[in-house]
Amino acid sequence: MKQVILVRMDLKLPKGKMAAQVGHACVEAVLRSDKSMVKEWRSEGMMKIVVKVKDEKELYKYKQAAEDEGLKTAVITDAGKTVVSPGTVTCMAIGPDEDEKLDLVTGELKII
């Protein structure tokens, strides 16, 4: 079991901002997930993998692929109070779910 978080590299987010956005994505995806799936993921250590996507278009390509596989997703849009404009899509979390299902969708993406 794991969760994968895709972060847009074209935004060139500072490390702290990126960490905050990834945190938002992790939490939102868990809140949208089946409780039994979350329970199993928690019992296995709550693995999270953070990977790179080029831009918003690529992020949405993976969102569609994940949803086609029946995976839960959570796209995060920023409030625009610090680094980016309001409504900017920064990242997306997929899962938690089984490793194999996530790897079908995101397996070729590079880790940050």
PDB file of N, CA and C in Angstrom:
ATOM      1  N   MET A   1       0.851  -1.186   0.000  1.00  0.00           N
ATOM      2  CA  MET A   1       0.000   0.000   0.000  1.00  0.00           C
ATOM      3  C   MET A   1       0.889   1.240   0.000  1.00  0.00           C
ATOM      4  N   LYS A   2       0.462   2.230  -0.802  1.00  0.00           N
ATOM      5  CA  LYS A   2       1.173   3.503  -0.814  1.00  0.00           C
ATOM      6  C   LYS A   2       0.271   4.591  -1.365  1.00  0.00           C
ATOM      7  N   GLN A   3       0.795   5.780  -1.293  1.00  0.00           N
ATOM      8  CA  GLN A   3       0.158   6.957  -1.871  1.00  0.00           C
ATOM      9  C   GLN A   3       1.222   7.628  -2.739  1.00  0.00           C
ATOM     10  N   VAL A   4       0.815   8.139  -3.902  1.00  0.00           N
ATOM     11  CA  VAL A   4       1.745   8.830  -4.786  1.00  0.00           C
ATOM     12  C   VAL A   4       1.261  10.267  -4.955  1.00  0.00           C
ATOM     13  N   ILE A   5       2.195  11.205  -4.817  1.00  0.00           N
ATOM     14  CA  ILE A   5       1.870  12.614  -4.968  1.00  0.00           C
ATOM     15  C   ILE A   5       2.658  13.159  -6.155  1.00  0.00           C
ATOM     16  N   LEU A   6       1.949  13.747  -7.117  1.00  0.00           N
ATOM     17  CA  LEU A   6       2.545  14.299  -8.322  1.00  0.00           C
ATOM     18  C   LEU A   6       2.647  15.813  -8.158  1.00  0.00           C
ATOM     19  N   VAL A   7       3.845  16.361  -8.368  1.00  0.00           N
ATOM     20  CA  VAL A   7       4.081  17.788  -8.192  1.00  0.00           C
ATOM     21  C   VAL A   7       4.510  18.409  -9.520  1.00  0.00           C
ATOM     22  N   ARG A   8       3.903  19.536  -9.848  1.00  0.00           N
ATOM     23  CA  ARG A   8       4.253  20.273 -11.073  1.00  0.00           C
ATOM     24  C   ARG A   8       5.629  20.922 -10.935  1.00  0.00           C
ATOM     25  N   MET A   9       6.522  20.594 -11.867  1.00  0.00           N
ATOM     26  CA  MET A   9       7.867  21.144 -11.845  1.00  0.00           C
ATOM     27  C   MET A   9       7.957  22.511 -12.522  1.00  0.00           C
ATOM     28  N   ASP A  10       7.006  22.838 -13.390  1.00  0.00           N
ATOM     29  CA  ASP A  10       7.060  24.122 -14.088  1.00  0.00           C
ATOM     30  C   ASP A  10       6.829  25.306 -13.156  1.00  0.00           C
ATOM     31  N   LEU A  11       6.252  25.070 -11.988  1.00  0.00           N
ATOM     32  CA  LEU A  11       5.996  26.154 -11.042  1.00  0.00           C
ATOM     33  C   LEU A  11       7.241  26.546 -10.256  1.00  0.00           C
ATOM     34  N   LYS A  12       8.222  25.651 -10.207  1.00  0.00           N
ATOM     35  CA  LYS A  12       9.467  25.924  -9.470  1.00  0.00           C
ATOM     36  C   LYS A  12       9.171  26.402  -8.037  1.00  0.00           C
ATOM     37  N   LEU A  13       8.326  25.632  -7.353  1.00  0.00           N
ATOM     38  CA  LEU A  13       7.940  25.983  -5.985  1.00  0.00           C
ATOM     39  C   LEU A  13       9.124  25.892  -5.038  1.00  0.00           C
ATOM     40  N   PRO A  14       9.257  26.852  -4.107  1.00  0.00           N
ATOM     41  CA  PRO A  14      10.268  26.708  -3.053  1.00  0.00           C
ATOM     42  C   PRO A  14       9.978  25.443  -2.245  1.00  0.00           C
ATOM     43  N   LYS A  15      11.003  24.878  -1.631  1.00  0.00           N
ATOM     44  CA  LYS A  15      10.856  23.604  -0.915  1.00  0.00           C
ATOM     45  C   LYS A  15       9.758  23.629   0.140  1.00  0.00           C
ATOM     46  N   GLY A  16       9.685  24.701   0.908  1.00  0.00           N
ATOM     47  CA  GLY A  16       8.661  24.790   1.947  1.00  0.00           C
ATOM     48  C   GLY A  16       7.256  24.824   1.371  1.00  0.00           C
ATOM     49  N   LYS A  17       7.069  25.584   0.302  1.00  0.00           N
ATOM     50  CA  LYS A  17       5.767  25.671  -0.356  1.00  0.00           C
ATOM     51  C   LYS A  17       5.385  24.313  -0.934  1.00  0.00           C
ATOM     52  N   MET A  18       6.359  23.643  -1.574  1.00  0.00           N
ATOM     53  CA  MET A  18       6.099  22.325  -2.135  1.00  0.00           C
ATOM     54  C   MET A  18       5.689  21.343  -1.032  1.00  0.00           C
ATOM     55  N   ALA A  19       6.391  21.384   0.087  1.00  0.00           N
ATOM     56  CA  ALA A  19       6.069  20.491   1.199  1.00  0.00           C
ATOM     57  C   ALA A  19       4.647  20.729   1.705  1.00  0.00           C
ATOM     58  N   ALA A  20       4.253  21.986   1.813  1.00  0.00           N
ATOM     59  CA  ALA A  20       2.899  22.313   2.271  1.00  0.00           C
ATOM     60  C   ALA A  20       1.852  21.795   1.287  1.00  0.00           C
ATOM     61  N   GLN A  21       2.088  21.982  -0.005  1.00  0.00           N
ATOM     62  CA  GLN A  21       1.134  21.535  -1.016  1.00  0.00           C
ATOM     63  C   GLN A  21       1.025  20.012  -1.032  1.00  0.00           C
ATOM     64  N   VAL A  22       2.148  19.328  -0.893  1.00  0.00           N
ATOM     65  CA  VAL A  22       2.144  17.866  -0.822  1.00  0.00           C
ATOM     66  C   VAL A  22       1.354  17.416   0.405  1.00  0.00           C
ATOM     67  N   GLY A  23       1.533  18.108   1.515  1.00  0.00           N
ATOM     68  CA  GLY A  23       0.765  17.782   2.720  1.00  0.00           C
ATOM     69  C   GLY A  23      -0.729  17.935   2.506  1.00  0.00           C
ATOM     70  N   HIS A  24      -1.128  19.018   1.854  1.00  0.00           N
ATOM     71  CA  HIS A  24      -2.550  19.218   1.542  1.00  0.00           C
ATOM     72  C   HIS A  24      -3.082  18.062   0.692  1.00  0.00           C
ATOM     73  N   ALA A  25      -2.304  17.662  -0.306  1.00  0.00           N
ATOM     74  CA  ALA A  25      -2.737  16.591  -1.209  1.00  0.00           C
ATOM     75  C   ALA A  25      -2.872  15.263  -0.468  1.00  0.00           C
ATOM     76  N   CYS A  26      -1.897  14.957   0.377  1.00  0.00           N
ATOM     77  CA  CYS A  26      -1.942  13.708   1.149  1.00  0.00           C
ATOM     78  C   CYS A  26      -3.208  13.626   1.994  1.00  0.00           C
ATOM     79  N   VAL A  27      -3.473  14.686   2.736  1.00  0.00           N
ATOM     80  CA  VAL A  27      -4.622  14.701   3.632  1.00  0.00           C
ATOM     81  C   VAL A  27      -5.929  14.616   2.849  1.00  0.00           C
ATOM     82  N   GLU A  28      -6.063  15.415   1.808  1.00  0.00           N
ATOM     83  CA  GLU A  28      -7.309  15.433   1.045  1.00  0.00           C
ATOM     84  C   GLU A  28      -7.592  14.067   0.415  1.00  0.00           C
ATOM     85  N   ALA A  29      -6.572  13.418  -0.114  1.00  0.00           N
ATOM     86  CA  ALA A  29      -6.773  12.101  -0.720  1.00  0.00           C
ATOM     87  C   ALA A  29      -7.194  11.069   0.328  1.00  0.00           C
ATOM     88  N   VAL A  30      -6.608  11.138   1.504  1.00  0.00           N
ATOM     89  CA  VAL A  30      -6.993  10.215   2.579  1.00  0.00           C
ATOM     90  C   VAL A  30      -8.447  10.444   2.974  1.00  0.00           C
ATOM     91  N   LEU A  31      -8.856  11.699   3.076  1.00  0.00           N
ATOM     92  CA  LEU A  31     -10.241  12.001   3.448  1.00  0.00           C
ATOM     93  C   LEU A  31     -11.243  11.480   2.417  1.00  0.00           C
ATOM     94  N   ARG A  32     -10.818  11.369   1.161  1.00  0.00           N
ATOM     95  CA  ARG A  32     -11.695  10.882   0.097  1.00  0.00           C
ATOM     96  C   ARG A  32     -11.653   9.359  -0.068  1.00  0.00           C
ATOM     97  N   SER A  33     -10.737   8.706   0.628  1.00  0.00           N
ATOM     98  CA  SER A  33     -10.515   7.266   0.438  1.00  0.00           C
ATOM     99  C   SER A  33     -11.384   6.411   1.343  1.00  0.00           C
ATOM    100  N   ASP A  34     -11.569   5.180   0.934  1.00  0.00           N
ATOM    101  CA  ASP A  34     -12.298   4.186   1.718  1.00  0.00           C
ATOM    102  C   ASP A  34     -11.577   3.951   3.043  1.00  0.00           C
ATOM    103  N   LYS A  35     -12.330   3.944   4.132  1.00  0.00           N
ATOM    104  CA  LYS A  35     -11.741   3.808   5.467  1.00  0.00           C
ATOM    105  C   LYS A  35     -10.936   2.522   5.640  1.00  0.00           C
ATOM    106  N   SER A  36     -11.394   1.435   5.042  1.00  0.00           N
ATOM    107  CA  SER A  36     -10.659   0.177   5.181  1.00  0.00           C
ATOM    108  C   SER A  36      -9.319   0.238   4.448  1.00  0.00           C
ATOM    109  N   MET A  37      -9.287   0.954   3.317  1.00  0.00           N
ATOM    110  CA  MET A  37      -8.046   1.137   2.565  1.00  0.00           C
ATOM    111  C   MET A  37      -7.056   1.962   3.384  1.00  0.00           C
ATOM    112  N   VAL A  38      -7.556   3.022   4.018  1.00  0.00           N
ATOM    113  CA  VAL A  38      -6.707   3.885   4.845  1.00  0.00           C
ATOM    114  C   VAL A  38      -6.182   3.099   6.044  1.00  0.00           C
ATOM    115  N   LYS A  39      -7.028   2.292   6.646  1.00  0.00           N
ATOM    116  CA  LYS A  39      -6.610   1.498   7.799  1.00  0.00           C
ATOM    117  C   LYS A  39      -5.471   0.548   7.426  1.00  0.00           C
ATOM    118  N   GLU A  40      -5.598  -0.118   6.296  1.00  0.00           N
ATOM    119  CA  GLU A  40      -4.541  -1.037   5.844  1.00  0.00           C
ATOM    120  C   GLU A  40      -3.250  -0.269   5.550  1.00  0.00           C
ATOM    121  N   TRP A  41      -3.362   0.858   4.867  1.00  0.00           N
ATOM    122  CA  TRP A  41      -2.208   1.692   4.527  1.00  0.00           C
ATOM    123  C   TRP A  41      -1.503   2.161   5.804  1.00  0.00           C
ATOM    124  N   ARG A  42      -2.274   2.592   6.786  1.00  0.00           N
ATOM    125  CA  ARG A  42      -1.690   3.036   8.060  1.00  0.00           C
ATOM    126  C   ARG A  42      -0.955   1.906   8.747  1.00  0.00           C
ATOM    127  N   SER A  43      -1.525   0.700   8.709  1.00  0.00           N
ATOM    128  CA  SER A  43      -0.892  -0.442   9.376  1.00  0.00           C
ATOM    129  C   SER A  43       0.427  -0.840   8.715  1.00  0.00           C
ATOM    130  N   GLU A  44       0.608  -0.436   7.448  1.00  0.00           N
ATOM    131  CA  GLU A  44       1.830  -0.757   6.708  1.00  0.00           C
ATOM    132  C   GLU A  44       2.846   0.390   6.720  1.00  0.00           C
ATOM    133  N   GLY A  45       2.569   1.465   7.451  1.00  0.00           N
ATOM    134  CA  GLY A  45       3.541   2.535   7.586  1.00  0.00           C
ATOM    135  C   GLY A  45       3.267   3.793   6.771  1.00  0.00           C
ATOM    136  N   MET A  46       2.147   3.865   6.064  1.00  0.00           N
ATOM    137  CA  MET A  46       1.716   5.048   5.315  1.00  0.00           C
ATOM    138  C   MET A  46       2.758   5.527   4.295  1.00  0.00           C
ATOM    139  N   MET A  47       3.258   4.623   3.459  1.00  0.00           N
ATOM    140  CA  MET A  47       4.252   4.992   2.452  1.00  0.00           C
ATOM    141  C   MET A  47       3.701   6.048   1.499  1.00  0.00           C
ATOM    142  N   LYS A  48       4.544   7.066   1.257  1.00  0.00           N
ATOM    143  CA  LYS A  48       4.222   8.132   0.298  1.00  0.00           C
ATOM    144  C   LYS A  48       5.398   8.297  -0.638  1.00  0.00           C
ATOM    145  N   ILE A  49       5.118   8.435  -1.928  1.00  0.00           N
ATOM    146  CA  ILE A  49       6.139   8.672  -2.934  1.00  0.00           C
ATOM    147  C   ILE A  49       5.795   9.992  -3.620  1.00  0.00           C
ATOM    148  N   VAL A  50       6.756  10.909  -3.708  1.00  0.00           N
ATOM    149  CA  VAL A  50       6.527  12.203  -4.352  1.00  0.00           C
ATOM    150  C   VAL A  50       7.293  12.208  -5.670  1.00  0.00           C
ATOM    151  N   VAL A  51       6.550  12.451  -6.759  1.00  0.00           N
ATOM    152  CA  VAL A  51       7.128  12.375  -8.101  1.00  0.00           C
ATOM    153  C   VAL A  51       6.893  13.660  -8.879  1.00  0.00           C
ATOM    154  N   LYS A  52       7.641  13.793  -9.985  1.00  0.00           N
ATOM    155  CA  LYS A  52       7.593  14.992 -10.828  1.00  0.00           C
ATOM    156  C   LYS A  52       6.656  14.814 -12.009  1.00  0.00           C
ATOM    157  N   VAL A  53       5.889  15.871 -12.307  1.00  0.00           N
ATOM    158  CA  VAL A  53       5.218  15.990 -13.602  1.00  0.00           C
ATOM    159  C   VAL A  53       5.630  17.342 -14.180  1.00  0.00           C
ATOM    160  N   LYS A  54       5.631  17.414 -15.503  1.00  0.00           N
ATOM    161  CA  LYS A  54       6.127  18.601 -16.193  1.00  0.00           C
ATOM    162  C   LYS A  54       5.256  19.830 -15.928  1.00  0.00           C
ATOM    163  N   ASP A  55       3.927  19.646 -16.046  1.00  0.00           N
ATOM    164  CA  ASP A  55       3.029  20.802 -15.990  1.00  0.00           C
ATOM    165  C   ASP A  55       1.607  20.350 -15.660  1.00  0.00           C
ATOM    166  N   GLU A  56       0.680  21.296 -15.685  1.00  0.00           N
ATOM    167  CA  GLU A  56      -0.713  21.005 -15.342  1.00  0.00           C
ATOM    168  C   GLU A  56      -1.331  20.003 -16.317  1.00  0.00           C
ATOM    169  N   LYS A  57      -1.041  20.129 -17.578  1.00  0.00           N
ATOM    170  CA  LYS A  57      -1.584  19.209 -18.577  1.00  0.00           C
ATOM    171  C   LYS A  57      -1.172  17.765 -18.273  1.00  0.00           C
ATOM    172  N   GLU A  58       0.101  17.579 -17.948  1.00  0.00           N
ATOM    173  CA  GLU A  58       0.571  16.226 -17.630  1.00  0.00           C
ATOM    174  C   GLU A  58      -0.075  15.721 -16.336  1.00  0.00           C
ATOM    175  N   LEU A  59      -0.234  16.583 -15.345  1.00  0.00           N
ATOM    176  CA  LEU A  59      -0.883  16.195 -14.098  1.00  0.00           C
ATOM    177  C   LEU A  59      -2.291  15.665 -14.380  1.00  0.00           C
ATOM    178  N   TYR A  60      -3.049  16.379 -15.208  1.00  0.00           N
ATOM    179  CA  TYR A  60      -4.416  15.945 -15.520  1.00  0.00           C
ATOM    180  C   TYR A  60      -4.452  14.672 -16.358  1.00  0.00           C
ATOM    181  N   LYS A  61      -3.418  14.416 -17.130  1.00  0.00           N
ATOM    182  CA  LYS A  61      -3.323  13.156 -17.870  1.00  0.00           C
ATOM    183  C   LYS A  61      -3.253  11.991 -16.877  1.00  0.00           C
ATOM    184  N   TYR A  62      -2.449  12.157 -15.842  1.00  0.00           N
ATOM    185  CA  TYR A  62      -2.327  11.112 -14.823  1.00  0.00           C
ATOM    186  C   TYR A  62      -3.576  11.016 -13.951  1.00  0.00           C
ATOM    187  N   LYS A  63      -4.243  12.131 -13.742  1.00  0.00           N
ATOM    188  CA  LYS A  63      -5.511  12.104 -12.994  1.00  0.00           C
ATOM    189  C   LYS A  63      -6.516  11.222 -13.722  1.00  0.00           C
ATOM    190  N   GLN A  64      -6.643  11.424 -15.025  1.00  0.00           N
ATOM    191  CA  GLN A  64      -7.585  10.628 -15.816  1.00  0.00           C
ATOM    192  C   GLN A  64      -7.201   9.154 -15.794  1.00  0.00           C
ATOM    193  N   ALA A  65      -5.919   8.870 -15.951  1.00  0.00           N
ATOM    194  CA  ALA A  65      -5.452   7.479 -15.941  1.00  0.00           C
ATOM    195  C   ALA A  65      -5.737   6.817 -14.590  1.00  0.00           C
ATOM    196  N   ALA A  66      -5.525   7.550 -13.505  1.00  0.00           N
ATOM    197  CA  ALA A  66      -5.791   7.022 -12.165  1.00  0.00           C
ATOM    198  C   ALA A  66      -7.276   6.732 -11.979  1.00  0.00           C
ATOM    199  N   GLU A  67      -8.109   7.670 -12.380  1.00  0.00           N
ATOM    200  CA  GLU A  67      -9.548   7.475 -12.232  1.00  0.00           C
ATOM    201  C   GLU A  67     -10.053   6.346 -13.125  1.00  0.00           C
ATOM    202  N   ASP A  68      -9.445   6.167 -14.292  1.00  0.00           N
ATOM    203  CA  ASP A  68      -9.805   5.049 -15.171  1.00  0.00           C
ATOM    204  C   ASP A  68      -9.516   3.704 -14.508  1.00  0.00           C
ATOM    205  N   GLU A  69      -8.523   3.688 -13.599  1.00  0.00           N
ATOM    206  CA  GLU A  69      -8.170   2.470 -12.851  1.00  0.00           C
ATOM    207  C   GLU A  69      -8.951   2.352 -11.547  1.00  0.00           C
ATOM    208  N   GLY A  70      -9.852   3.302 -11.282  1.00  0.00           N
ATOM    209  CA  GLY A  70     -10.657   3.266 -10.063  1.00  0.00           C
ATOM    210  C   GLY A  70      -9.943   3.794  -8.835  1.00  0.00           C
ATOM    211  N   LEU A  71      -8.872   4.556  -9.023  1.00  0.00           N
ATOM    212  CA  LEU A  71      -8.109   5.097  -7.899  1.00  0.00           C
ATOM    213  C   LEU A  71      -8.660   6.460  -7.480  1.00  0.00           C
ATOM    214  N   LYS A  72      -8.581   6.746  -6.191  1.00  0.00           N
ATOM    215  CA  LYS A  72      -9.006   8.040  -5.658  1.00  0.00           C
ATOM    216  C   LYS A  72      -7.920   9.080  -5.929  1.00  0.00           C
ATOM    217  N   THR A  73      -8.328  10.293  -6.285  1.00  0.00           N
ATOM    218  CA  THR A  73      -7.377  11.372  -6.523  1.00  0.00           C
ATOM    219  C   THR A  73      -7.811  12.626  -5.770  1.00  0.00           C
ATOM    220  N   ALA A  74      -6.839  13.503  -5.545  1.00  0.00           N
ATOM    221  CA  ALA A  74      -7.119  14.798  -4.927  1.00  0.00           C
ATOM    222  C   ALA A  74      -6.195  15.829  -5.560  1.00  0.00           C
ATOM    223  N   VAL A  75      -6.762  16.710  -6.375  1.00  0.00           N
ATOM    224  CA  VAL A  75      -6.007  17.794  -7.001  1.00  0.00           C
ATOM    225  C   VAL A  75      -6.049  19.004  -6.069  1.00  0.00           C
ATOM    226  N   ILE A  76      -4.891  19.618  -5.868  1.00  0.00           N
ATOM    227  CA  ILE A  76      -4.796  20.762  -4.957  1.00  0.00           C
ATOM    228  C   ILE A  76      -4.626  22.055  -5.745  1.00  0.00           C
ATOM    229  N   THR A  77      -5.469  23.036  -5.431  1.00  0.00           N
ATOM    230  CA  THR A  77      -5.328  24.374  -6.003  1.00  0.00           C
ATOM    231  C   THR A  77      -4.975  25.327  -4.870  1.00  0.00           C
ATOM    232  N   ASP A  78      -4.016  26.184  -5.141  1.00  0.00           N
ATOM    233  CA  ASP A  78      -3.489  27.073  -4.114  1.00  0.00           C
ATOM    234  C   ASP A  78      -4.395  28.290  -3.909  1.00  0.00           C
ATOM    235  N   ALA A  79      -4.421  28.798  -2.693  1.00  0.00           N
ATOM    236  CA  ALA A  79      -5.210  29.990  -2.362  1.00  0.00           C
ATOM    237  C   ALA A  79      -4.565  31.263  -2.903  1.00  0.00           C
ATOM    238  N   GLY A  80      -3.280  31.191  -3.253  1.00  0.00           N
ATOM    239  CA  GLY A  80      -2.616  32.334  -3.860  1.00  0.00           C
ATOM    240  C   GLY A  80      -2.164  33.402  -2.892  1.00  0.00           C
ATOM    241  N   LYS A  81      -1.905  33.049  -1.659  1.00  0.00           N
ATOM    242  CA  LYS A  81      -1.520  34.054  -0.669  1.00  0.00           C
ATOM    243  C   LYS A  81      -0.009  34.264  -0.571  1.00  0.00           C
ATOM    244  N   THR A  82       0.774  33.403  -1.224  1.00  0.00           N
ATOM    245  CA  THR A  82       2.227  33.555  -1.102  1.00  0.00           C
ATOM    246  C   THR A  82       2.932  33.535  -2.460  1.00  0.00           C
ATOM    247  N   VAL A  83       3.120  32.372  -3.042  1.00  0.00           N
ATOM    248  CA  VAL A  83       4.035  32.208  -4.174  1.00  0.00           C
ATOM    249  C   VAL A  83       3.358  32.206  -5.543  1.00  0.00           C
ATOM    250  N   VAL A  84       2.193  31.608  -5.648  1.00  0.00           N
ATOM    251  CA  VAL A  84       1.524  31.474  -6.941  1.00  0.00           C
ATOM    252  C   VAL A  84       0.174  32.192  -6.927  1.00  0.00           C
ATOM    253  N   SER A  85      -0.399  32.369  -8.094  1.00  0.00           N
ATOM    254  CA  SER A  85      -1.689  33.051  -8.219  1.00  0.00           C
ATOM    255  C   SER A  85      -2.820  32.195  -7.648  1.00  0.00           C
ATOM    256  N   PRO A  86      -3.889  32.817  -7.154  1.00  0.00           N
ATOM    257  CA  PRO A  86      -5.038  32.064  -6.653  1.00  0.00           C
ATOM    258  C   PRO A  86      -5.568  31.106  -7.720  1.00  0.00           C
ATOM    259  N   GLY A  87      -5.882  29.887  -7.281  1.00  0.00           N
ATOM    260  CA  GLY A  87      -6.450  28.890  -8.177  1.00  0.00           C
ATOM    261  C   GLY A  87      -5.439  28.071  -8.955  1.00  0.00           C
ATOM    262  N   THR A  88      -4.155  28.303  -8.728  1.00  0.00           N
ATOM    263  CA  THR A  88      -3.123  27.536  -9.423  1.00  0.00           C
ATOM    264  C   THR A  88      -3.122  26.085  -8.938  1.00  0.00           C
ATOM    265  N   VAL A  89      -3.196  25.139  -9.866  1.00  0.00           N
ATOM    266  CA  VAL A  89      -3.086  23.719  -9.534  1.00  0.00           C
ATOM    267  C   VAL A  89      -1.614  23.426  -9.267  1.00  0.00           C
ATOM    268  N   THR A  90      -1.312  22.909  -8.069  1.00  0.00           N
ATOM    269  CA  THR A  90       0.084  22.670  -7.687  1.00  0.00           C
ATOM    270  C   THR A  90       0.476  21.207  -7.699  1.00  0.00           C
ATOM    271  N   CYS A  91      -0.432  20.343  -7.251  1.00  0.00           N
ATOM    272  CA  CYS A  91      -0.079  18.934  -7.143  1.00  0.00           C
ATOM    273  C   CYS A  91      -1.341  18.077  -7.036  1.00  0.00           C
ATOM    274  N   MET A  92      -1.128  16.770  -7.018  1.00  0.00           N
ATOM    275  CA  MET A  92      -2.240  15.825  -6.906  1.00  0.00           C
ATOM    276  C   MET A  92      -1.754  14.579  -6.183  1.00  0.00           C
ATOM    277  N   ALA A  93      -2.573  14.045  -5.299  1.00  0.00           N
ATOM    278  CA  ALA A  93      -2.292  12.774  -4.653  1.00  0.00           C
ATOM    279  C   ALA A  93      -3.184  11.700  -5.249  1.00  0.00           C
ATOM    280  N   ILE A  94      -2.642  10.499  -5.339  1.00  0.00           N
ATOM    281  CA  ILE A  94      -3.398   9.319  -5.766  1.00  0.00           C
ATOM    282  C   ILE A  94      -3.267   8.283  -4.658  1.00  0.00           C
ATOM    283  N   GLY A  95      -4.411   7.741  -4.237  1.00  0.00           N
ATOM    284  CA  GLY A  95      -4.392   6.714  -3.198  1.00  0.00           C
ATOM    285  C   GLY A  95      -4.531   7.316  -1.821  1.00  0.00           C
ATOM    286  N   PRO A  96      -4.368   6.469  -0.832  1.00  0.00           N
ATOM    287  CA  PRO A  96      -3.640   5.211  -0.805  1.00  0.00           C
ATOM    288  C   PRO A  96      -4.399   4.057  -1.470  1.00  0.00           C
ATOM    289  N   ASP A  97      -3.587   3.163  -2.041  1.00  0.00           N
ATOM    290  CA  ASP A  97      -4.122   1.964  -2.672  1.00  0.00           C
ATOM    291  C   ASP A  97      -2.970   0.962  -2.833  1.00  0.00           C
ATOM    292  N   GLU A  98      -3.274  -0.129  -3.478  1.00  0.00           N
ATOM    293  CA  GLU A  98      -2.262  -1.180  -3.671  1.00  0.00           C
ATOM    294  C   GLU A  98      -1.143  -0.684  -4.575  1.00  0.00           C
ATOM    295  N   ASP A  99       0.085  -1.052  -4.220  1.00  0.00           N
ATOM    296  CA  ASP A  99       1.266  -0.637  -4.972  1.00  0.00           C
ATOM    297  C   ASP A  99       1.117  -0.910  -6.465  1.00  0.00           C
ATOM    298  N   GLU A 100       0.670  -2.102  -6.803  1.00  0.00           N
ATOM    299  CA  GLU A 100       0.601  -2.518  -8.201  1.00  0.00           C
ATOM    300  C   GLU A 100      -0.339  -1.627  -9.015  1.00  0.00           C
ATOM    301  N   LYS A 101      -1.457  -1.244  -8.421  1.00  0.00           N
ATOM    302  CA  LYS A 101      -2.423  -0.388  -9.118  1.00  0.00           C
ATOM    303  C   LYS A 101      -1.833   1.003  -9.364  1.00  0.00           C
ATOM    304  N   LEU A 102      -1.161   1.534  -8.356  1.00  0.00           N
ATOM    305  CA  LEU A 102      -0.534   2.843  -8.506  1.00  0.00           C
ATOM    306  C   LEU A 102       0.621   2.801  -9.505  1.00  0.00           C
ATOM    307  N   ASP A 103       1.388   1.715  -9.476  1.00  0.00           N
ATOM    308  CA  ASP A 103       2.517   1.588 -10.398  1.00  0.00           C
ATOM    309  C   ASP A 103       2.068   1.523 -11.851  1.00  0.00           C
ATOM    310  N   LEU A 104       0.890   0.971 -12.110  1.00  0.00           N
ATOM    311  CA  LEU A 104       0.355   0.948 -13.471  1.00  0.00           C
ATOM    312  C   LEU A 104       0.196   2.359 -14.023  1.00  0.00           C
ATOM    313  N   VAL A 105      -0.145   3.292 -13.157  1.00  0.00           N
ATOM    314  CA  VAL A 105      -0.418   4.666 -13.569  1.00  0.00           C
ATOM    315  C   VAL A 105       0.829   5.547 -13.484  1.00  0.00           C
ATOM    316  N   THR A 106       1.587   5.427 -12.395  1.00  0.00           N
ATOM    317  CA  THR A 106       2.673   6.396 -12.126  1.00  0.00           C
ATOM    318  C   THR A 106       4.066   5.777 -12.105  1.00  0.00           C
ATOM    319  N   GLY A 107       4.170   4.512 -12.424  1.00  0.00           N
ATOM    320  CA  GLY A 107       5.437   3.790 -12.273  1.00  0.00           C
ATOM    321  C   GLY A 107       6.626   4.373 -13.007  1.00  0.00           C
ATOM    322  N   GLU A 108       6.394   5.081 -14.122  1.00  0.00           N
ATOM    323  CA  GLU A 108       7.517   5.608 -14.905  1.00  0.00           C
ATOM    324  C   GLU A 108       7.937   7.015 -14.488  1.00  0.00           C
ATOM    325  N   LEU A 109       7.204   7.643 -13.559  1.00  0.00           N
ATOM    326  CA  LEU A 109       7.544   9.002 -13.139  1.00  0.00           C
ATOM    327  C   LEU A 109       8.764   9.008 -12.217  1.00  0.00           C
ATOM    328  N   LYS A 110       9.541  10.074 -12.312  1.00  0.00           N
ATOM    329  CA  LYS A 110      10.765  10.224 -11.515  1.00  0.00           C
ATOM    330  C   LYS A 110      10.450  10.807 -10.128  1.00  0.00           C
ATOM    331  N   ILE A 111      11.131  10.274  -9.124  1.00  0.00           N
ATOM    332  CA  ILE A 111      10.982  10.755  -7.751  1.00  0.00           C
ATOM    333  C   ILE A 111      11.672  12.113  -7.620  1.00  0.00           C
ATOM    334  N   ILE A 112      11.071  12.993  -6.845  1.00  0.00           N
ATOM    335  CA  ILE A 112      11.689  14.317  -6.573  1.00  0.00           C
ATOM    336  C   ILE A 112      12.844  14.123  -5.631  1.00  0.00           C
TER     337      ILE A 112
END
